[in-house]
Structure formats: structure tokens, C-alpha cells
Protein backbone atom coordinates (compact mmCIF):
# COMPACT_ATOMS: atom_id res chain seq x y z
CA UNK A 1 30.05 141.17 22.91
CA UNK A 2 29.71 137.62 21.61
CA UNK A 3 31.93 136.19 18.86
CA UNK A 4 30.41 133.13 17.21
CA UNK A 5 33.01 132.63 14.49
CA UNK A 6 36.50 132.98 15.86
CA UNK A 7 39.71 131.08 16.52
CA UNK A 8 42.42 131.59 19.12
CA UNK A 9 45.90 130.60 17.87
CA UNK A 10 47.88 128.56 20.39
CA UNK A 11 51.60 127.97 20.04
CA UNK A 12 53.81 125.36 21.67
CA UNK A 13 57.62 125.45 21.61
CA UNK A 14 59.92 122.57 22.53
CA UNK A 15 63.07 124.12 23.97
CA UNK A 16 64.99 120.83 23.74
CA UNK A 17 64.26 120.21 20.05
CA UNK A 18 64.06 123.95 19.31
CA UNK A 19 60.91 123.56 17.21
CA UNK A 20 57.37 124.77 17.69
CA UNK A 21 53.94 124.47 16.17
CA UNK A 22 50.47 126.00 16.29
CA UNK A 23 47.72 123.90 17.84
CA UNK A 24 44.11 124.30 18.91
CA UNK A 25 43.04 123.77 22.51
CA UNK A 26 39.57 122.75 23.69
CA UNK A 27 38.57 126.43 23.80
CA UNK A 28 40.41 127.63 20.67
CA UNK A 29 37.44 127.19 18.31
CA UNK A 30 34.63 127.87 20.76
CA UNK A 31 32.38 130.92 20.88
CA UNK A 32 33.76 133.81 22.89
CA UNK A 33 31.91 136.23 25.10
CA UNK A 34 33.42 139.46 26.41
CA UNK A 35 32.16 142.35 28.54
CA UNK A 36 33.53 145.78 29.26
CA UNK A 37 33.87 146.60 32.95
CA UNK A 38 30.80 148.84 32.74
CA UNK A 39 28.70 146.12 31.10
CA UNK A 40 29.84 143.53 33.64
CA UNK A 41 29.06 145.70 36.67
CA UNK A 42 25.69 146.68 35.21
CA UNK A 43 24.64 143.03 34.73
CA UNK A 44 25.90 141.97 38.15
CA UNK A 45 24.11 144.88 39.79
CA UNK A 46 20.77 144.05 38.18
CA UNK A 47 21.05 140.33 38.99
CA UNK A 48 22.11 141.11 42.55
CA UNK A 49 19.00 143.29 42.93
CA UNK A 50 16.91 140.19 42.17
CA UNK A 51 18.88 138.12 44.70
CA UNK A 52 18.33 140.80 47.35
CA UNK A 53 14.58 140.66 46.76
CA UNK A 54 12.66 139.12 49.66
CA UNK A 55 11.06 136.73 47.18
CA UNK A 56 7.80 136.95 49.08
CA UNK A 57 5.76 138.98 46.61
CA UNK A 58 2.00 138.97 46.16
CA UNK A 59 0.19 137.16 43.39
CA UNK A 60 -0.91 139.73 40.82
CA UNK A 61 -3.04 139.43 37.71
CA UNK A 62 -0.45 138.26 35.14
CA UNK A 63 1.99 135.49 36.07
CA UNK A 64 5.21 134.41 34.34
CA UNK A 65 6.62 130.96 35.07
CA UNK A 66 9.33 129.90 32.63
CA UNK A 67 13.09 129.53 32.46
CA UNK A 68 14.42 130.50 35.85
CA UNK A 69 11.79 128.57 37.80
CA UNK A 70 11.61 124.87 38.68
CA UNK A 71 8.20 124.87 40.35
CA UNK A 72 6.23 121.75 39.26
CA UNK A 73 4.15 122.90 36.32
CA UNK A 74 1.16 120.71 37.19
CA UNK A 75 0.90 122.54 40.52
CA UNK A 76 1.17 125.89 38.75
CA UNK A 77 -1.65 124.90 36.40
CA UNK A 78 -3.94 123.94 39.29
CA UNK A 79 -3.09 127.15 41.14
CA UNK A 80 -3.83 129.32 38.07
CA UNK A 81 -7.17 127.63 37.44
CA UNK A 82 -8.27 127.87 41.07
CA UNK A 83 -7.31 131.55 41.39
CA UNK A 84 -8.31 132.63 37.87
CA UNK A 85 -4.90 134.14 37.12
CA UNK A 86 -3.68 134.96 33.64
CA UNK A 87 -0.39 133.33 32.58
CA UNK A 88 1.94 134.95 30.05
CA UNK A 89 4.88 133.64 28.03
CA UNK A 90 6.43 137.13 27.88
CA UNK A 91 8.12 137.99 31.15
CA UNK A 92 8.14 141.73 30.40
CA UNK A 93 4.31 141.65 30.30
CA UNK A 94 3.99 140.05 33.74
CA UNK A 95 3.34 141.61 37.13
CA UNK A 96 4.36 138.47 39.08
CA UNK A 97 7.28 136.10 38.54
CA UNK A 98 8.35 132.78 40.06
CA UNK A 99 12.14 132.39 40.26
CA UNK A 100 14.39 129.64 41.60
CA UNK A 101 16.89 131.53 43.75
CA UNK A 102 19.65 128.99 43.13
CA UNK A 103 19.27 129.42 39.37
CA UNK A 104 19.55 133.22 39.67
CA UNK A 105 22.54 132.80 41.97
CA UNK A 106 24.20 130.56 39.36
CA UNK A 107 23.75 133.28 36.73
CA UNK A 108 25.35 135.81 39.08
CA UNK A 109 28.30 133.45 39.70
CA UNK A 110 28.68 133.03 35.94
CA UNK A 111 29.28 136.78 35.66
CA UNK A 112 31.31 136.97 38.86
CA UNK A 113 33.77 134.39 37.50
CA UNK A 114 34.63 136.46 34.41
CA UNK A 115 38.38 136.87 34.04
CA UNK A 116 40.13 140.05 33.01
CA UNK A 117 41.94 139.79 29.67
CA UNK A 118 43.71 141.96 27.11
CA UNK A 119 42.81 140.97 23.57
CA UNK A 120 42.98 142.11 19.98
CA UNK A 121 40.41 140.94 17.41
CA UNK A 122 41.61 140.87 13.78
CA UNK A 123 40.62 139.20 10.49
CA UNK A 124 42.18 135.81 9.74
CA UNK A 125 44.16 136.67 6.61
CA UNK A 126 45.77 134.36 4.07
CA UNK A 127 49.23 135.57 5.13
CA UNK A 128 48.59 134.46 8.71
CA UNK A 129 47.33 131.08 7.55
CA UNK A 130 50.48 130.63 5.43
CA UNK A 131 52.71 131.35 8.43
CA UNK A 132 50.85 128.72 10.48
CA UNK A 133 51.12 126.23 7.60
CA UNK A 134 54.85 126.88 7.18
CA UNK A 135 55.65 126.67 10.90
CA UNK A 136 53.68 123.45 11.40
CA UNK A 137 55.04 121.81 8.24
CA UNK A 138 58.64 122.51 9.27
CA UNK A 139 57.99 120.84 12.64
CA UNK A 140 56.15 117.95 10.96
CA UNK A 141 53.12 118.76 13.07
CA UNK A 142 50.29 118.87 10.53
CA UNK A 143 47.43 117.53 12.69
CA UNK A 144 45.99 120.99 13.32
CA UNK A 145 46.28 122.46 9.83
CA UNK A 146 42.79 121.37 8.79
CA UNK A 147 41.20 123.15 11.74
CA UNK A 148 43.01 126.40 10.92
CA UNK A 149 42.22 126.05 7.22
CA UNK A 150 38.54 125.47 7.96
CA UNK A 151 38.49 128.53 10.22
CA UNK A 152 40.05 130.61 7.44
CA UNK A 153 37.51 129.33 4.90
CA UNK A 154 34.69 130.34 7.27
CA UNK A 155 36.17 133.87 7.39
CA UNK A 156 36.77 133.58 11.12
CA UNK A 157 38.28 136.34 13.19
CA UNK A 158 41.41 135.74 15.23
CA UNK A 159 41.24 136.52 18.93
CA UNK A 160 44.77 137.26 20.07
CA UNK A 161 45.41 137.23 23.82
CA UNK A 162 48.27 139.37 25.07
CA UNK A 163 49.40 136.48 27.30
CA UNK A 164 49.72 134.23 24.22
CA UNK A 165 51.25 136.92 22.00
CA UNK A 166 54.61 136.85 23.77
CA UNK A 167 55.04 133.14 22.91
CA UNK A 168 54.38 133.45 19.17
CA UNK A 169 57.27 133.03 16.70
CA UNK A 170 58.61 136.23 15.14
CA UNK A 171 57.25 135.50 11.67
CA UNK A 172 53.73 135.24 13.06
CA UNK A 173 54.13 138.41 15.14
CA UNK A 174 55.31 140.25 12.02
CA UNK A 175 52.30 139.00 10.02
CA UNK A 176 49.97 140.16 12.77
CA UNK A 177 51.18 143.72 12.39
CA UNK A 178 50.51 146.43 14.96
CA UNK A 179 47.80 145.25 17.34
CA UNK A 180 45.52 147.41 19.46
CA UNK A 181 44.96 145.82 22.86
CA UNK A 182 41.61 146.23 24.57
CA UNK A 183 40.58 145.42 28.14
CA UNK A 184 37.67 143.04 28.53
CA UNK A 185 36.22 140.53 30.96
CA UNK A 186 35.86 137.10 29.38
CA UNK A 187 32.92 134.89 30.26
CA UNK A 188 32.99 131.11 30.09
CA UNK A 189 30.90 129.74 27.19
CA UNK A 190 31.65 126.02 27.58
CA UNK A 191 28.40 124.09 28.07
CA UNK A 192 26.50 127.17 29.21
CA UNK A 193 23.43 126.88 26.95
CA UNK A 194 21.00 126.52 29.87
CA UNK A 195 22.41 129.42 31.83
CA UNK A 196 22.45 131.60 28.70
CA UNK A 197 18.76 130.84 28.15
CA UNK A 198 18.03 132.00 31.70
CA UNK A 199 20.08 135.15 31.13
CA UNK A 200 17.95 135.88 28.03
CA UNK A 201 14.89 135.63 30.28
CA UNK A 202 16.43 138.04 32.79
CA UNK A 203 17.33 140.52 30.06
CA UNK A 204 13.64 140.58 29.07
CA UNK A 205 12.66 141.06 32.72
CA UNK A 206 14.99 144.07 32.98
CA UNK A 207 12.71 145.83 30.46
CA UNK A 208 10.04 145.87 33.18
CA UNK A 209 11.75 145.17 36.51
CA UNK A 210 8.64 145.39 38.69
CA UNK A 211 10.25 143.48 41.57
CA UNK A 212 7.16 141.36 42.38
CA UNK A 213 9.14 138.13 42.68
CA UNK A 214 8.22 134.95 44.53
CA UNK A 215 10.93 132.38 45.17
CA UNK A 216 10.18 128.78 44.21
CA UNK A 217 10.49 127.48 47.77
CA UNK A 218 8.07 130.15 49.03
CA UNK A 219 5.39 129.40 46.45
CA UNK A 220 5.89 125.65 46.91
CA UNK A 221 5.04 126.06 50.59
CA UNK A 222 1.87 127.88 49.53
CA UNK A 223 1.00 125.17 47.00
CA UNK A 224 1.48 122.51 49.69
CA UNK A 225 -0.25 124.42 52.48
CA UNK A 226 -3.27 122.13 52.11
CA UNK A 227 -1.03 119.10 51.63
CA UNK A 228 -0.52 116.01 53.73
CA UNK A 229 -0.11 116.38 57.50
CA UNK A 230 2.39 113.88 58.84
CA UNK A 231 1.71 111.65 61.82
CA UNK A 232 3.71 108.79 63.33
CA UNK A 233 2.00 106.16 61.18
CA UNK A 234 2.69 108.11 57.98
CA UNK A 235 6.35 108.61 58.92
CA UNK A 236 6.66 104.90 59.74
CA UNK A 237 5.18 104.04 56.35
CA UNK A 238 7.69 106.29 54.56
CA UNK A 239 10.53 104.77 56.59
CA UNK A 240 9.54 101.24 55.65
CA UNK A 241 9.19 102.17 51.97
CA UNK A 242 12.76 103.47 51.90
CA UNK A 243 14.03 100.53 53.95
CA UNK A 244 12.57 98.08 51.43
CA UNK A 245 15.13 99.30 48.85
CA UNK A 246 12.58 98.62 46.14
CA UNK A 247 12.85 101.36 43.46
CA UNK A 248 9.06 101.59 43.04
CA UNK A 249 8.57 102.03 46.79
CA UNK A 250 11.31 104.67 47.00
CA UNK A 251 9.90 106.66 44.07
CA UNK A 252 6.41 106.52 45.58
CA UNK A 253 7.76 107.64 48.98
CA UNK A 254 9.44 110.64 47.33
CA UNK A 255 6.22 111.46 45.48
CA UNK A 256 4.27 111.34 48.75
CA UNK A 257 6.84 113.54 50.51
CA UNK A 258 6.67 116.16 47.76
CA UNK A 259 2.98 116.70 48.61
CA UNK A 260 3.49 117.16 52.35
CA UNK A 261 2.80 120.51 54.01
CA UNK A 262 6.42 121.68 53.91
CA UNK A 263 5.82 124.77 56.00
CA UNK A 264 4.77 122.57 58.93
CA UNK A 265 6.80 119.41 58.30
CA UNK A 266 9.88 120.58 56.39
CA UNK A 267 12.20 119.54 59.24
CA UNK A 268 10.72 116.03 59.34
CA UNK A 269 11.02 115.61 55.56
CA UNK A 270 14.64 116.85 55.61
CA UNK A 271 15.53 114.35 58.35
CA UNK A 272 13.91 111.52 56.39
CA UNK A 273 15.82 112.46 53.22
CA UNK A 274 19.10 112.57 55.13
CA UNK A 275 18.41 109.27 56.87
CA UNK A 276 17.79 107.54 53.54
CA UNK A 277 20.23 109.52 51.37
CA UNK A 278 21.99 106.33 50.24
CA UNK A 279 18.76 105.27 48.52
CA UNK A 280 19.04 108.38 46.34
CA UNK A 281 22.61 108.20 45.14
CA UNK A 282 23.21 109.47 41.64
CA UNK A 283 22.74 106.75 39.03
CA UNK A 284 20.49 104.40 41.00
CA UNK A 285 17.40 105.47 39.07
CA UNK A 286 15.59 107.04 42.03
CA UNK A 287 16.49 110.67 41.35
CA UNK A 288 14.92 111.39 37.98
CA UNK A 289 11.36 112.24 38.98
CA UNK A 290 9.89 115.73 39.18
CA UNK A 291 9.01 115.03 42.82
CA UNK A 292 12.66 114.34 43.70
CA UNK A 293 13.87 117.45 41.86
CA UNK A 294 11.22 119.55 43.61
CA UNK A 295 12.28 118.43 47.10
CA UNK A 296 15.98 118.64 46.30
CA UNK A 297 15.65 122.20 44.97
CA UNK A 298 13.44 123.25 47.86
CA UNK A 299 16.01 122.29 50.48
CA UNK A 300 18.99 123.51 48.44
CA UNK A 301 17.42 126.95 48.23
CA UNK A 302 17.11 126.95 52.00
CA UNK A 303 20.76 125.97 52.43
CA UNK A 304 19.85 122.54 53.81
CA UNK A 305 22.34 120.06 52.34
CA UNK A 306 20.50 116.85 53.16
CA UNK A 307 22.90 114.70 51.11
CA UNK A 308 25.82 115.53 53.43
CA UNK A 309 26.80 114.19 56.84
CA UNK A 310 25.30 115.53 60.06
CA UNK A 311 27.80 118.38 60.46
CA UNK A 312 26.86 120.26 57.29
CA UNK A 313 23.27 119.07 57.29
CA UNK A 314 22.48 120.05 60.89
CA UNK A 315 23.86 123.60 60.39
CA UNK A 316 21.27 124.14 57.64
CA UNK A 317 18.53 122.68 59.82
CA UNK A 318 19.45 124.93 62.72
CA UNK A 319 19.54 128.05 60.55
CA UNK A 320 16.06 127.38 59.19
CA UNK A 321 14.14 125.78 62.05
CA UNK A 322 15.75 126.70 65.41
CA UNK A 323 13.32 129.61 65.95
CA UNK A 324 10.81 126.94 67.05
CA UNK A 325 11.71 125.48 70.45
CA UNK A 326 10.39 122.01 69.65
CA UNK A 327 12.26 121.93 66.34
CA UNK A 328 15.41 123.12 68.11
CA UNK A 329 15.19 120.20 70.54
CA UNK A 330 14.78 117.76 67.63
CA UNK A 331 17.88 119.18 65.92
CA UNK A 332 19.90 119.01 69.16
CA UNK A 333 18.80 115.40 69.66
CA UNK A 334 19.83 114.60 66.07
CA UNK A 335 23.29 116.16 66.53
CA UNK A 336 23.76 114.47 69.92
CA UNK A 337 22.85 111.07 68.50
CA UNK A 338 25.34 111.44 65.65
CA UNK A 339 28.16 112.55 67.96
CA UNK A 340 27.53 109.65 70.32
CA UNK A 341 27.45 107.21 67.42
CA UNK A 342 30.84 108.55 66.33
CA UNK A 343 32.24 108.22 69.86
CA UNK A 344 30.85 104.72 70.17
CA UNK A 345 32.46 103.61 66.91
CA UNK A 346 35.74 105.52 67.14
CA UNK A 347 36.19 106.58 70.76
CA UNK A 348 38.67 105.27 73.32
CA UNK A 349 37.22 102.33 75.23
CA UNK A 350 37.90 101.47 78.85
CA UNK A 351 36.66 98.23 80.43
CA UNK A 352 34.11 97.79 77.68
CA UNK A 353 32.73 101.33 77.97
CA UNK A 354 33.12 104.45 75.86
CA UNK A 355 32.61 108.16 76.29
CA UNK A 356 29.06 109.40 75.61
CA UNK A 357 27.51 112.86 75.91
CA UNK A 358 24.23 113.06 77.84
CA UNK A 359 23.13 116.55 76.83
CA UNK A 360 24.29 119.88 75.44
CA UNK A 361 23.07 123.08 73.81
CA UNK A 362 23.59 123.87 70.12
CA UNK A 363 24.08 127.32 68.58
CA UNK A 364 25.12 128.61 65.17
CA UNK A 365 28.40 130.57 65.09
CA UNK A 366 29.70 132.75 62.29
CA UNK A 367 32.90 131.40 60.72
CA UNK A 368 35.86 133.71 61.33
């Protein structure tokens, strides 16, 4: 249930001066969205079914790529033309869908963060407005009267929360009359336009939940399977481009990296991004390209937080790449180098020396 024209009365009482007034908070005049417990569990269950999908479906005959996917559209266009696939703008007519798993996870979290409330929804009557006007005038607090008057003129409904009801003055409680309290789960609607658009897409998908889903990172690996193969010279070139600190060089390096065969060289690209993460701080102008967003999303969906220090970053690397012995050695060497750097800079020194670790084995442990 969505209420687009409503107001939530807020009341503040000063115990020292023994006066109070009605005010409007940042959420008092916003749209409201409520779910019954059944509706909430139904939505969460359907979204969770998508999240539990392997995301490794097969390309069918009719493809949907829209809200919910961040795959570069120019790569999609090339792929469609080469494979003679039909593309549809109606997700319910598709037999194959590209989804960004992080986006779907964000929608699930949006529902999971709903808070349980008891509310009563009633018309905003003239008697109620007069009580608010009288109370605020007597306290010389007239700043909010226009907002309440405008809401009344728009024939808004009042959403009364049981938690607020106990604080209202008696004259307002009397004007409210006998209220019927209902149990709902309230969903945040502040700056949620993008996530609501994605939910609308999912609701259309639920009309034909065929389950043939391909995650963005999986299809990106397929798109890039014929991409650039890295060698030492190429890596050195990328390193020098980042080291130059020239915005044009950095943007070009990111563009080049986004076309690398990620299935073969994902670990190398992740290490390069982490090494030069300071060149891609927010606000420096190097993070606005489609290529940057593609790489950033790709590694986020794999749980590889390349913008963080070696502790968080290396855990994601190990989880994704340690099945390969050579990759495992590279990750262990990376972790060892970072620990030794820390010991060198912060460790106890004796006669000009410091503690260093020569070798160790790394494993991923579940957090208890």
C-alpha cells in the first residue's frame, strides 16, 4: 500500500515552559509505503529466489536487458548482432535476463529493513486543522501552520503512529476520535526512486518467472572471453599510465582494463586496481566512465573490495581465486608483502633491524 498524499502530525512538548506545538519532520510530508506481513514475506521470498539462482543461465531466443542490469550496452548490442538474438523491452516476454546481483540484493535489503509499525489512516478534517492552529498559535510557533494548511487543502490523509499518539495533547486526541490500529511494515521511501524502478521491473518478471538468469559478472566474462591477454609489457604499460597521474592516461588505462579477458586475468586486474586505488578516489574525475563502473561492479559482485586495504581485499581475492595454485601463491605473496611492510614501518627495531616473515600459508576461516 502506497500513500502519495499524506501527512504525519508530529508534536513537541517543552516540559520546562509547559507548552507544545505541532511540527513537520523531514518524513512528515513524504510518501508512505506499507506492507502487511504476508505481502512482505511474499516479496522477500520471490526476490530471494532470484538471489539463490546460479546466475549461469543459457542464452535463449528473447533477451531482456534493462533496469536491474549494468552490463555495458555497447557490448550487449555487439553480442546480440553477432548471435542474432531478439531483444525485448518487456521483461515478461523474455526467456533470458541479465541481472546485476548487487542491485537485486539491494532491493532485498530494502524490504528486509522494513520496520514494524501500528498506524491508523484517517481523513484530515477541518476540526483537526483547527486544533493544530490553536495549539501552535498559543505557543507562538506558527512556522509549520502553512504546511499543515496546504496538506488540508490537498485533502491529505493523516497517518497516525501509535508511538506518536501517546504524546499528542488531549484536545487533538479528542478530535481524532476512536482510532482503529492496524499492523503494517513500513518501507523507507526517501530517495528510493531508482530502487523502486527496479522493483517495478521485478514485479513484471514475476508474471513469468522462468529463472533463466545470467548475472552481469558472468556475462561480462563471456563478452570479454576474446578480450586482451595480459603480458608483462602490457601490465608495465598500465602501471606507468596510472603512475603518471595524468587523468587522460588513467581513464585510458581503465578503458583498456575493462576489455581484458577477466576470466583469465581477473586477479591481475584486481591487484592493479588496488595498487592504484588512490588514483580513483571519489571526486577526482577518474570514476565517471562506463569502463570504471563496469570494473567496479564486476569486482563488487564477486565480493572483492579492491578499494580497501589488504586485509579486506585479500580475503575477497582468496575466496575467488585460491582454487588455482598459481593464483594462491600470488595472493599469499601479496599478503606477505603487506604484512612485512607494516612490520617494517611500525615494528620494534633492534640494532637497525626489524622483524620480517619469510613465508607462511594463507587460508580463509569462517568468522565465529
